[in-house]
Amino acid sequence: MIGDIIKYSLIFILLILFQGLILNNIEMGGYINPYLYVLFILILPFQTPKWLSLVLGFILGLSIDIFTSTIGMHTSATIFMAFARTYLLAIIRPRDGYDFNTTPNLQQMGGTWFLIYSSILVFLHHLFLFFVESFKFSQFFDTLGRAILSTIFTITMVFIVQLFNFKNKNRV
C-alpha cells in the first residue's frame, strides 16, 4: 500500500515536470500538442475510488495549469477525463471482471484493450480541452482536427512509455 503511494507519487511528479518543462515547449505547427500527463489518470488502479480519481484529476490538472498559466482549462479537462474513466471501465470490462490489484496497462490488459481504453479517454480529454480553449463552435472542425491529431500523437507517446515499462515474463 505505502509502496504504491510512493510509486504513484513519483509518477505524478515526473509526469508534471516532464510536461511542464519539456512537452509544453513542443508545438508542432501550432496544431499538435502532446499531453503525456494524462497517462497518470490512465494507469490508476482499477479499484481506485471515483472520488479519489476526481481529486487526483483536479490536482493533476491544476498543476499543469500552473505551469501553463491557463488556470482552469487543464483542470476541467482532466476532471472530465477522470469522471469518464469510471464509466468507460464499466463499459469495456472483461467478462470475468478486473483482477484485484491490477492496473490498466499494456502488459496486463493487452494491446487492443489498452488502445481502445486510452484512445477514448485521451480523445475526450483533448476534445474537452481544445473546445474550452477555443470557446467557439464556429471552429468546430478545426478544433476536432486538432483534438484528433493531438490524440494520435499523445497515444503514440503513451504506448512508448508503456513499452519502456514492459517486463518480459520469460526472464528468470
Protein backbone atom coordinates (compact mmCIF):
# COMPACT_ATOMS: atom_id res chain seq x y z
CA MET A 1 0.00 0.00 0.00
CA ILE A 2 2.69 2.51 1.02
CA GLY A 3 4.84 1.31 -1.87
CA ASP A 4 2.01 2.05 -4.30
CA ILE A 5 1.53 5.54 -2.86
CA ILE A 6 5.24 6.30 -3.26
CA LYS A 7 5.26 4.83 -6.79
CA TYR A 8 2.26 6.85 -7.94
CA SER A 9 3.57 9.99 -6.25
CA LEU A 10 6.83 9.67 -8.18
CA ILE A 11 4.98 9.05 -11.44
CA PHE A 12 2.78 12.08 -10.72
CA ILE A 13 5.75 14.38 -10.07
CA LEU A 14 7.75 13.09 -13.05
CA LEU A 15 4.84 13.49 -15.46
CA ILE A 16 4.12 17.03 -14.27
CA LEU A 17 7.77 18.04 -14.56
CA PHE A 18 8.19 16.38 -17.96
CA GLN A 19 5.01 18.01 -19.26
CA GLY A 20 5.74 21.41 -17.77
CA LEU A 21 9.42 21.69 -18.59
CA ILE A 22 9.70 19.80 -21.88
CA LEU A 23 6.44 18.95 -23.62
CA ASN A 24 4.78 22.34 -23.11
CA ASN A 25 7.60 23.81 -25.19
CA ILE A 26 6.88 21.45 -28.10
CA GLU A 27 4.24 22.56 -30.54
CA MET A 28 4.10 21.11 -33.99
CA GLY A 29 2.77 23.71 -36.37
CA GLY A 30 0.52 25.14 -33.68
CA TYR A 31 -1.84 22.25 -34.31
CA ILE A 32 -0.50 19.24 -32.41
CA ASN A 33 0.13 19.47 -28.68
CA PRO A 34 1.50 16.46 -26.77
CA TYR A 35 -0.11 15.98 -23.35
CA LEU A 36 1.57 12.97 -21.75
CA TYR A 37 0.45 13.94 -18.25
CA VAL A 38 -2.91 12.22 -18.90
CA LEU A 39 -1.04 8.92 -18.53
CA PHE A 40 -1.35 9.31 -14.76
CA ILE A 41 -5.15 9.05 -14.90
CA LEU A 42 -4.93 6.20 -17.41
CA ILE A 43 -2.76 4.00 -15.17
CA LEU A 44 -4.59 4.44 -11.88
CA PRO A 45 -5.53 1.04 -10.42
CA PHE A 46 -8.96 -0.36 -11.23
CA GLN A 47 -10.08 -0.26 -7.58
CA THR A 48 -9.34 3.49 -7.26
CA PRO A 49 -12.50 5.09 -5.82
CA LYS A 50 -14.29 7.54 -8.08
CA TRP A 51 -13.85 10.42 -5.64
CA LEU A 52 -10.10 9.82 -5.45
CA SER A 53 -9.82 9.78 -9.25
CA LEU A 54 -11.60 13.13 -9.39
CA VAL A 55 -9.41 14.65 -6.66
CA LEU A 56 -6.24 13.39 -8.34
CA GLY A 57 -7.51 14.68 -11.68
CA PHE A 58 -8.10 18.08 -10.10
CA ILE A 59 -4.62 18.24 -8.56
CA LEU A 60 -3.00 17.00 -11.78
CA GLY A 61 -4.87 19.49 -13.98
CA LEU A 62 -4.24 22.35 -11.59
CA SER A 63 -0.52 21.55 -11.54
CA ILE A 64 -0.37 21.65 -15.34
CA ASP A 65 -2.44 24.86 -15.37
CA ILE A 66 0.10 26.48 -13.05
CA PHE A 67 2.89 25.58 -15.48
CA THR A 68 0.97 26.89 -18.49
CA SER A 69 -0.76 29.89 -16.86
CA THR A 70 -4.15 28.66 -18.04
CA ILE A 71 -5.94 28.28 -14.74
CA GLY A 72 -8.95 26.02 -15.16
CA MET A 73 -8.53 24.65 -18.68
CA HIS A 74 -6.44 21.57 -17.94
CA THR A 75 -8.12 21.16 -14.58
CA SER A 76 -11.59 20.89 -16.09
CA ALA A 77 -10.43 18.61 -18.91
CA THR A 78 -8.59 16.28 -16.53
CA ILE A 79 -11.55 16.11 -14.13
CA PHE A 80 -13.79 15.28 -17.10
CA MET A 81 -11.37 12.53 -18.12
CA ALA A 82 -11.29 11.09 -14.58
CA PHE A 83 -15.09 11.21 -14.47
CA ALA A 84 -15.44 9.44 -17.83
CA ARG A 85 -12.86 6.82 -16.82
CA THR A 86 -15.18 5.15 -14.32
CA TYR A 87 -17.95 4.73 -16.86
CA LEU A 88 -15.64 3.62 -19.65
CA LEU A 89 -14.09 0.96 -17.40
CA ALA A 90 -17.59 -0.34 -16.68
CA ILE A 91 -18.45 -0.45 -20.39
CA ILE A 92 -15.30 -2.24 -21.57
CA ARG A 93 -14.98 -4.54 -18.54
CA PRO A 94 -13.94 -8.10 -19.42
CA ARG A 95 -16.50 -10.83 -18.87
CA ASP A 96 -14.73 -12.04 -15.71
CA GLY A 97 -14.24 -8.52 -14.39
CA TYR A 98 -10.97 -6.89 -13.46
CA ASP A 99 -8.42 -8.63 -11.26
CA PHE A 100 -7.89 -7.04 -7.88
CA ASN A 101 -4.65 -5.04 -7.55
CA THR A 102 -4.12 -4.71 -11.29
CA THR A 103 -3.69 -1.56 -13.28
CA PRO A 104 -4.88 -0.72 -16.76
CA ASN A 105 -1.64 -1.03 -18.67
CA LEU A 106 -0.41 -2.52 -21.91
CA GLN A 107 1.18 -5.59 -20.35
CA GLN A 108 -1.68 -6.72 -18.11
CA MET A 109 -4.65 -5.87 -20.32
CA GLY A 110 -3.26 -6.38 -23.81
CA GLY A 111 -2.68 -4.04 -26.72
CA THR A 112 -6.20 -3.92 -28.17
CA TRP A 113 -7.94 -3.32 -24.87
CA PHE A 114 -5.42 -0.67 -23.82
CA LEU A 115 -5.60 1.07 -27.22
CA ILE A 116 -9.39 1.34 -27.02
CA TYR A 117 -9.32 2.45 -23.39
CA SER A 118 -6.58 5.04 -23.76
CA SER A 119 -7.73 6.37 -27.13
CA ILE A 120 -11.25 7.09 -25.93
CA LEU A 121 -10.15 8.78 -22.71
CA VAL A 122 -7.38 10.82 -24.32
CA PHE A 123 -9.69 11.90 -27.14
CA LEU A 124 -12.35 13.00 -24.65
CA HIS A 125 -9.72 14.93 -22.69
CA HIS A 126 -8.31 16.65 -25.77
CA LEU A 127 -11.71 17.44 -27.26
CA PHE A 128 -12.86 19.00 -23.99
CA LEU A 129 -9.60 20.90 -23.54
CA PHE A 130 -9.50 22.33 -27.06
CA PHE A 131 -13.16 23.35 -27.03
CA VAL A 132 -12.66 25.12 -23.72
CA GLU A 133 -9.57 26.77 -25.20
CA SER A 134 -11.23 27.98 -28.40
CA PHE A 135 -14.67 28.50 -26.80
CA LYS A 136 -16.25 28.73 -30.26
CA PHE A 137 -18.40 26.23 -32.07
CA SER A 138 -17.72 28.13 -35.29
CA GLN A 139 -14.28 26.48 -35.30
CA PHE A 140 -15.74 23.02 -34.75
CA PHE A 141 -13.85 21.19 -37.49
CA ASP A 142 -10.54 22.91 -36.72
CA THR A 143 -10.89 22.01 -33.06
CA LEU A 144 -11.96 18.45 -33.88
CA GLY A 145 -8.98 18.01 -36.21
CA ARG A 146 -6.64 19.41 -33.60
CA ALA A 147 -8.07 17.03 -30.99
CA ILE A 148 -7.71 14.01 -33.29
CA LEU A 149 -4.12 14.80 -34.29
CA SER A 150 -3.07 15.56 -30.72
CA THR A 151 -4.75 12.36 -29.54
CA ILE A 152 -2.80 10.30 -32.07
CA PHE A 153 0.45 11.92 -31.01
CA THR A 154 -0.31 11.55 -27.28
CA ILE A 155 -1.38 7.90 -27.67
CA THR A 156 1.88 7.20 -29.50
CA MET A 157 3.82 8.70 -26.60
CA VAL A 158 1.72 6.74 -24.06
CA PHE A 159 2.48 3.49 -25.88
CA ILE A 160 6.20 4.31 -25.99
CA VAL A 161 6.21 4.89 -22.23
CA GLN A 162 4.23 1.67 -21.71
CA LEU A 163 6.74 -0.27 -23.80
CA PHE A 164 9.59 1.04 -21.62
CA ASN A 165 7.78 -0.38 -18.59
CA PHE A 166 7.08 -3.73 -20.25
CA LYS A 167 8.53 -6.64 -18.29
CA ASN A 168 9.38 -9.87 -20.06
CA LYS A 169 7.60 -12.76 -18.29
CA ASN A 170 10.04 -15.32 -19.68
CA ARG A 171 13.05 -13.85 -17.91
CA VAL A 172 14.31 -15.55 -14.76
